[in-house]
PDB file of all heavy atoms in Angstrom:
ATOM      1  N   ASN A   1       0.862  -1.197   0.010  1.00  0.00           N
ATOM      2  CA  ASN A   1      -0.013  -0.021   0.016  1.00  0.00           C
ATOM      3  C   ASN A   1       0.872   1.247  -0.001  1.00  0.00           C
ATOM      4  O   ASN A   1       0.533   2.250  -0.663  1.00  0.00           O
ATOM      5  CB  ASN A   1      -0.908   0.019   1.190  1.00  0.00           C
ATOM      6  CG  ASN A   1      -1.965  -1.073   1.152  1.00  0.00           C
ATOM      7  OD1 ASN A   1      -2.248  -1.593   0.070  1.00  0.00           O
ATOM      8  ND2 ASN A   1      -2.590  -1.401   2.280  1.00  0.00           N
ATOM      9  N   ALA A   2       1.898   1.240   0.757  1.00  0.00           N
ATOM     10  CA  ALA A   2       2.871   2.402   0.753  1.00  0.00           C
ATOM     11  C   ALA A   2       3.451   2.628  -0.562  1.00  0.00           C
ATOM     12  O   ALA A   2       3.652   3.807  -1.022  1.00  0.00           O
ATOM     13  CB  ALA A   2       3.962   2.209   1.838  1.00  0.00           C
ATOM     14  N   GLY A   3       3.818   1.574  -1.244  1.00  0.00           N
ATOM     15  CA  GLY A   3       4.399   1.694  -2.600  1.00  0.00           C
ATOM     16  C   GLY A   3       3.433   2.320  -3.576  1.00  0.00           C
ATOM     17  O   GLY A   3       3.764   3.224  -4.409  1.00  0.00           O
ATOM     18  N   ALA A   4       2.162   1.884  -3.492  1.00  0.00           N
ATOM     19  CA  ALA A   4       1.120   2.387  -4.393  1.00  0.00           C
ATOM     20  C   ALA A   4       0.903   3.884  -4.077  1.00  0.00           C
ATOM     21  O   ALA A   4       0.761   4.738  -5.007  1.00  0.00           O
ATOM     22  CB  ALA A   4      -0.194   1.616  -4.184  1.00  0.00           C
ATOM     23  N   SER A   5       0.860   4.269  -2.767  1.00  0.00           N
ATOM     24  CA  SER A   5       0.670   5.634  -2.430  1.00  0.00           C
ATOM     25  C   SER A   5       1.799   6.535  -2.924  1.00  0.00           C
ATOM     26  O   SER A   5       1.580   7.616  -3.461  1.00  0.00           O
ATOM     27  CB  SER A   5       0.574   5.778  -0.867  1.00  0.00           C
ATOM     28  OG  SER A   5      -0.575   5.010  -0.387  1.00  0.00           O
ATOM     29  N   LEU A   6       3.018   6.052  -2.701  1.00  0.00           N
ATOM     30  CA  LEU A   6       4.167   6.870  -3.173  1.00  0.00           C
ATOM     31  C   LEU A   6       4.131   7.049  -4.672  1.00  0.00           C
ATOM     32  O   LEU A   6       4.483   8.152  -5.191  1.00  0.00           O
ATOM     33  CB  LEU A   6       5.457   6.226  -2.737  1.00  0.00           C
ATOM     34  CG  LEU A   6       6.749   6.941  -3.118  1.00  0.00           C
ATOM     35  CD1 LEU A   6       6.825   8.374  -2.599  1.00  0.00           C
ATOM     36  CD2 LEU A   6       7.992   6.141  -2.685  1.00  0.00           C
ATOM     37  N   ALA A   7       3.789   5.972  -5.420  1.00  0.00           N
ATOM     38  CA  ALA A   7       3.806   6.104  -6.851  1.00  0.00           C
ATOM     39  C   ALA A   7       2.803   7.186  -7.317  1.00  0.00           C
ATOM     40  O   ALA A   7       3.087   7.941  -8.229  1.00  0.00           O
ATOM     41  CB  ALA A   7       3.467   4.765  -7.485  1.00  0.00           C
ATOM     42  N   ILE A   8       1.673   7.203  -6.694  1.00  0.00           N
ATOM     43  CA  ILE A   8       0.612   8.205  -7.036  1.00  0.00           C
ATOM     44  C   ILE A   8       1.111   9.608  -6.736  1.00  0.00           C
ATOM     45  O   ILE A   8       0.973  10.532  -7.478  1.00  0.00           O
ATOM     46  CB  ILE A   8      -0.702   7.852  -6.356  1.00  0.00           C
ATOM     47  CG1 ILE A   8      -1.301   6.614  -6.896  1.00  0.00           C
ATOM     48  CG2 ILE A   8      -1.654   9.030  -6.519  1.00  0.00           C
ATOM     49  CD1 ILE A   8      -2.576   6.158  -6.214  1.00  0.00           C
ATOM     50  N   VAL A   9       1.704   9.760  -5.542  1.00  0.00           N
ATOM     51  CA  VAL A   9       2.193  11.086  -5.146  1.00  0.00           C
ATOM     52  C   VAL A   9       3.303  11.559  -6.093  1.00  0.00           C
ATOM     53  O   VAL A   9       3.351  12.772  -6.524  1.00  0.00           O
ATOM     54  CB  VAL A   9       2.697  11.069  -3.665  1.00  0.00           C
ATOM     55  CG1 VAL A   9       3.441  12.373  -3.357  1.00  0.00           C
ATOM     56  CG2 VAL A   9       1.505  10.852  -2.774  1.00  0.00           C
ATOM     57  N   VAL A  10       4.228  10.697  -6.456  1.00  0.00           N
ATOM     58  CA  VAL A  10       5.257  11.045  -7.397  1.00  0.00           C
ATOM     59  C   VAL A  10       4.650  11.427  -8.745  1.00  0.00           C
ATOM     60  O   VAL A  10       5.146  12.445  -9.417  1.00  0.00           O
ATOM     61  CB  VAL A  10       6.285   9.851  -7.617  1.00  0.00           C
ATOM     62  CG1 VAL A  10       7.210  10.095  -8.730  1.00  0.00           C
ATOM     63  CG2 VAL A  10       7.092   9.672  -6.314  1.00  0.00           C
ATOM     64  N   GLY A  11       3.654  10.690  -9.167  1.00  0.00           N
ATOM     65  CA  GLY A  11       2.997  11.010 -10.467  1.00  0.00           C
ATOM     66  C   GLY A  11       2.352  12.384 -10.399  1.00  0.00           C
ATOM     67  O   GLY A  11       2.422  13.116 -11.409  1.00  0.00           O
ATOM     68  N   ILE A  12       1.711  12.715  -9.327  1.00  0.00           N
ATOM     69  CA  ILE A  12       1.060  14.050  -9.172  1.00  0.00           C
ATOM     70  C   ILE A  12       2.079  15.153  -9.098  1.00  0.00           C
ATOM     71  O   ILE A  12       2.021  16.161  -9.761  1.00  0.00           O
ATOM     72  CB  ILE A  12       0.168  14.085  -7.921  1.00  0.00           C
ATOM     73  CG1 ILE A  12      -1.000  13.073  -8.103  1.00  0.00           C
ATOM     74  CG2 ILE A  12      -0.366  15.480  -7.690  1.00  0.00           C
ATOM     75  CD1 ILE A  12      -1.827  12.923  -6.796  1.00  0.00           C
ATOM     76  N   THR A  13       3.131  14.918  -8.257  1.00  0.00           N
ATOM     77  CA  THR A  13       4.151  15.995  -7.960  1.00  0.00           C
ATOM     78  C   THR A  13       5.046  16.294  -9.157  1.00  0.00           C
ATOM     79  O   THR A  13       5.228  17.446  -9.549  1.00  0.00           O
ATOM     80  CB  THR A  13       4.981  15.555  -6.821  1.00  0.00           C
ATOM     81  OG1 THR A  13       4.159  15.344  -5.714  1.00  0.00           O
ATOM     82  CG2 THR A  13       5.987  16.678  -6.463  1.00  0.00           C
ATOM     83  N   PHE A  14       5.555  15.275  -9.847  1.00  0.00           N
ATOM     84  CA  PHE A  14       6.561  15.457 -10.856  1.00  0.00           C
ATOM     85  C   PHE A  14       6.057  15.368 -12.275  1.00  0.00           C
ATOM     86  O   PHE A  14       6.662  15.868 -13.207  1.00  0.00           O
ATOM     87  CB  PHE A  14       7.740  14.457 -10.660  1.00  0.00           C
ATOM     88  CG  PHE A  14       8.451  14.669  -9.365  1.00  0.00           C
ATOM     89  CD1 PHE A  14       8.216  13.744  -8.328  1.00  0.00           C
ATOM     90  CD2 PHE A  14       9.284  15.704  -9.154  1.00  0.00           C
ATOM     91  CE1 PHE A  14       8.874  13.906  -7.105  1.00  0.00           C
ATOM     92  CE2 PHE A  14       9.937  15.881  -7.965  1.00  0.00           C
ATOM     93  CZ  PHE A  14       9.771  14.966  -6.923  1.00  0.00           C
ATOM     94  N   PHE A  15       4.925  14.663 -12.472  1.00  0.00           N
ATOM     95  CA  PHE A  15       4.431  14.429 -13.870  1.00  0.00           C
ATOM     96  C   PHE A  15       3.044  15.011 -14.073  1.00  0.00           C
ATOM     97  O   PHE A  15       2.499  14.898 -15.198  1.00  0.00           O
ATOM     98  CB  PHE A  15       4.502  12.979 -14.243  1.00  0.00           C
ATOM     99  CG  PHE A  15       5.830  12.369 -14.086  1.00  0.00           C
ATOM    100  CD1 PHE A  15       6.161  11.606 -12.942  1.00  0.00           C
ATOM    101  CD2 PHE A  15       6.817  12.566 -15.009  1.00  0.00           C
ATOM    102  CE1 PHE A  15       7.420  11.052 -12.787  1.00  0.00           C
ATOM    103  CE2 PHE A  15       8.114  12.020 -14.876  1.00  0.00           C
ATOM    104  CZ  PHE A  15       8.392  11.257 -13.742  1.00  0.00           C
ATOM    105  N   GLY A  16       2.403  15.559 -13.054  1.00  0.00           N
ATOM    106  CA  GLY A  16       1.093  16.172 -13.136  1.00  0.00           C
ATOM    107  C   GLY A  16      -0.014  15.196 -13.541  1.00  0.00           C
ATOM    108  O   GLY A  16      -0.973  15.560 -14.187  1.00  0.00           O
ATOM    109  N   ILE A  17       0.157  13.935 -13.183  1.00  0.00           N
ATOM    110  CA  ILE A  17      -0.867  12.949 -13.472  1.00  0.00           C
ATOM    111  C   ILE A  17      -2.039  13.029 -12.460  1.00  0.00           C
ATOM    112  O   ILE A  17      -1.816  12.698 -11.293  1.00  0.00           O
ATOM    113  CB  ILE A  17      -0.260  11.522 -13.474  1.00  0.00           C
ATOM    114  CG1 ILE A  17       0.851  11.431 -14.531  1.00  0.00           C
ATOM    115  CG2 ILE A  17      -1.352  10.467 -13.700  1.00  0.00           C
ATOM    116  CD1 ILE A  17       1.593  10.108 -14.524  1.00  0.00           C
ATOM    117  N   ARG A  18      -3.192  13.475 -12.903  1.00  0.00           N
ATOM    118  CA  ARG A  18      -4.291  13.658 -11.983  1.00  0.00           C
ATOM    119  C   ARG A  18      -5.525  12.871 -12.433  1.00  0.00           C
ATOM    120  O   ARG A  18      -6.514  12.871 -11.739  1.00  0.00           O
ATOM    121  CB  ARG A  18      -4.616  15.127 -11.871  1.00  0.00           C
ATOM    122  CG  ARG A  18      -3.621  15.919 -11.087  1.00  0.00           C
ATOM    123  CD  ARG A  18      -3.889  17.396 -11.050  1.00  0.00           C
ATOM    124  NE  ARG A  18      -3.085  18.116 -10.073  1.00  0.00           N
ATOM    125  CZ  ARG A  18      -1.839  18.397 -10.252  1.00  0.00           C
ATOM    126  NH1 ARG A  18      -1.224  18.121 -11.416  1.00  0.00           N
ATOM    127  NH2 ARG A  18      -1.131  19.047  -9.306  1.00  0.00           N
ATOM    128  N   THR A  19      -5.500  12.184 -13.558  1.00  0.00           N
ATOM    129  CA  THR A  19      -6.597  11.381 -13.992  1.00  0.00           C
ATOM    130  C   THR A  19      -6.629  10.083 -13.247  1.00  0.00           C
ATOM    131  O   THR A  19      -5.579   9.543 -12.794  1.00  0.00           O
ATOM    132  CB  THR A  19      -6.494  11.096 -15.518  1.00  0.00           C
ATOM    133  OG1 THR A  19      -5.344  10.310 -15.768  1.00  0.00           O
ATOM    134  CG2 THR A  19      -6.449  12.381 -16.308  1.00  0.00           C
ATOM    135  N   PHE A  20      -7.851   9.576 -13.008  1.00  0.00           N
ATOM    136  CA  PHE A  20      -7.925   8.310 -12.250  1.00  0.00           C
ATOM    137  C   PHE A  20      -7.246   7.171 -12.947  1.00  0.00           C
ATOM    138  O   PHE A  20      -6.571   6.362 -12.299  1.00  0.00           O
ATOM    139  CB  PHE A  20      -9.385   8.001 -11.990  1.00  0.00           C
ATOM    140  CG  PHE A  20      -9.571   6.622 -11.429  1.00  0.00           C
ATOM    141  CD1 PHE A  20      -9.183   6.375 -10.105  1.00  0.00           C
ATOM    142  CD2 PHE A  20     -10.157   5.619 -12.137  1.00  0.00           C
ATOM    143  CE1 PHE A  20      -9.315   5.111  -9.530  1.00  0.00           C
ATOM    144  CE2 PHE A  20     -10.314   4.334 -11.557  1.00  0.00           C
ATOM    145  CZ  PHE A  20      -9.896   4.110 -10.303  1.00  0.00           C
ATOM    146  N   SER A  21      -7.444   7.055 -14.278  1.00  0.00           N
ATOM    147  CA  SER A  21      -6.841   5.961 -14.972  1.00  0.00           C
ATOM    148  C   SER A  21      -5.303   5.974 -14.889  1.00  0.00           C
ATOM    149  O   SER A  21      -4.665   4.921 -14.710  1.00  0.00           O
ATOM    150  CB  SER A  21      -7.236   5.959 -16.450  1.00  0.00           C
ATOM    151  OG  SER A  21      -6.882   7.199 -17.081  1.00  0.00           O
ATOM    152  N   GLY A  22      -4.705   7.174 -14.981  1.00  0.00           N
ATOM    153  CA  GLY A  22      -3.271   7.322 -14.847  1.00  0.00           C
ATOM    154  C   GLY A  22      -2.812   6.913 -13.420  1.00  0.00           C
ATOM    155  O   GLY A  22      -1.806   6.223 -13.257  1.00  0.00           O
ATOM    156  N   GLN A  23      -3.531   7.368 -12.438  1.00  0.00           N
ATOM    157  CA  GLN A  23      -3.172   7.058 -11.025  1.00  0.00           C
ATOM    158  C   GLN A  23      -3.331   5.553 -10.757  1.00  0.00           C
ATOM    159  O   GLN A  23      -2.584   4.986  -9.949  1.00  0.00           O
ATOM    160  CB  GLN A  23      -3.998   7.880 -10.077  1.00  0.00           C
ATOM    161  CG  GLN A  23      -3.649   9.362 -10.098  1.00  0.00           C
ATOM    162  CD  GLN A  23      -4.489  10.190  -9.191  1.00  0.00           C
ATOM    163  OE1 GLN A  23      -5.393   9.686  -8.476  1.00  0.00           O
ATOM    164  NE2 GLN A  23      -4.224  11.542  -9.157  1.00  0.00           N
ATOM    165  N   LEU A  24      -4.325   4.955 -11.393  1.00  0.00           N
ATOM    166  CA  LEU A  24      -4.574   3.513 -11.161  1.00  0.00           C
ATOM    167  C   LEU A  24      -3.340   2.707 -11.592  1.00  0.00           C
ATOM    168  O   LEU A  24      -2.850   1.823 -10.896  1.00  0.00           O
ATOM    169  CB  LEU A  24      -5.812   3.079 -11.944  1.00  0.00           C
ATOM    170  CG  LEU A  24      -6.254   1.642 -11.745  1.00  0.00           C
ATOM    171  CD1 LEU A  24      -7.780   1.593 -11.851  1.00  0.00           C
ATOM    172  CD2 LEU A  24      -5.655   0.712 -12.804  1.00  0.00           C
TER     173      LEU A  24
END
């Protein structure tokens, strides 16, 4: 779960990924 959370935060912070499909 921590790995999944960190991946989403990295995607938001550095790549601007905010769509649900991208975060999934």
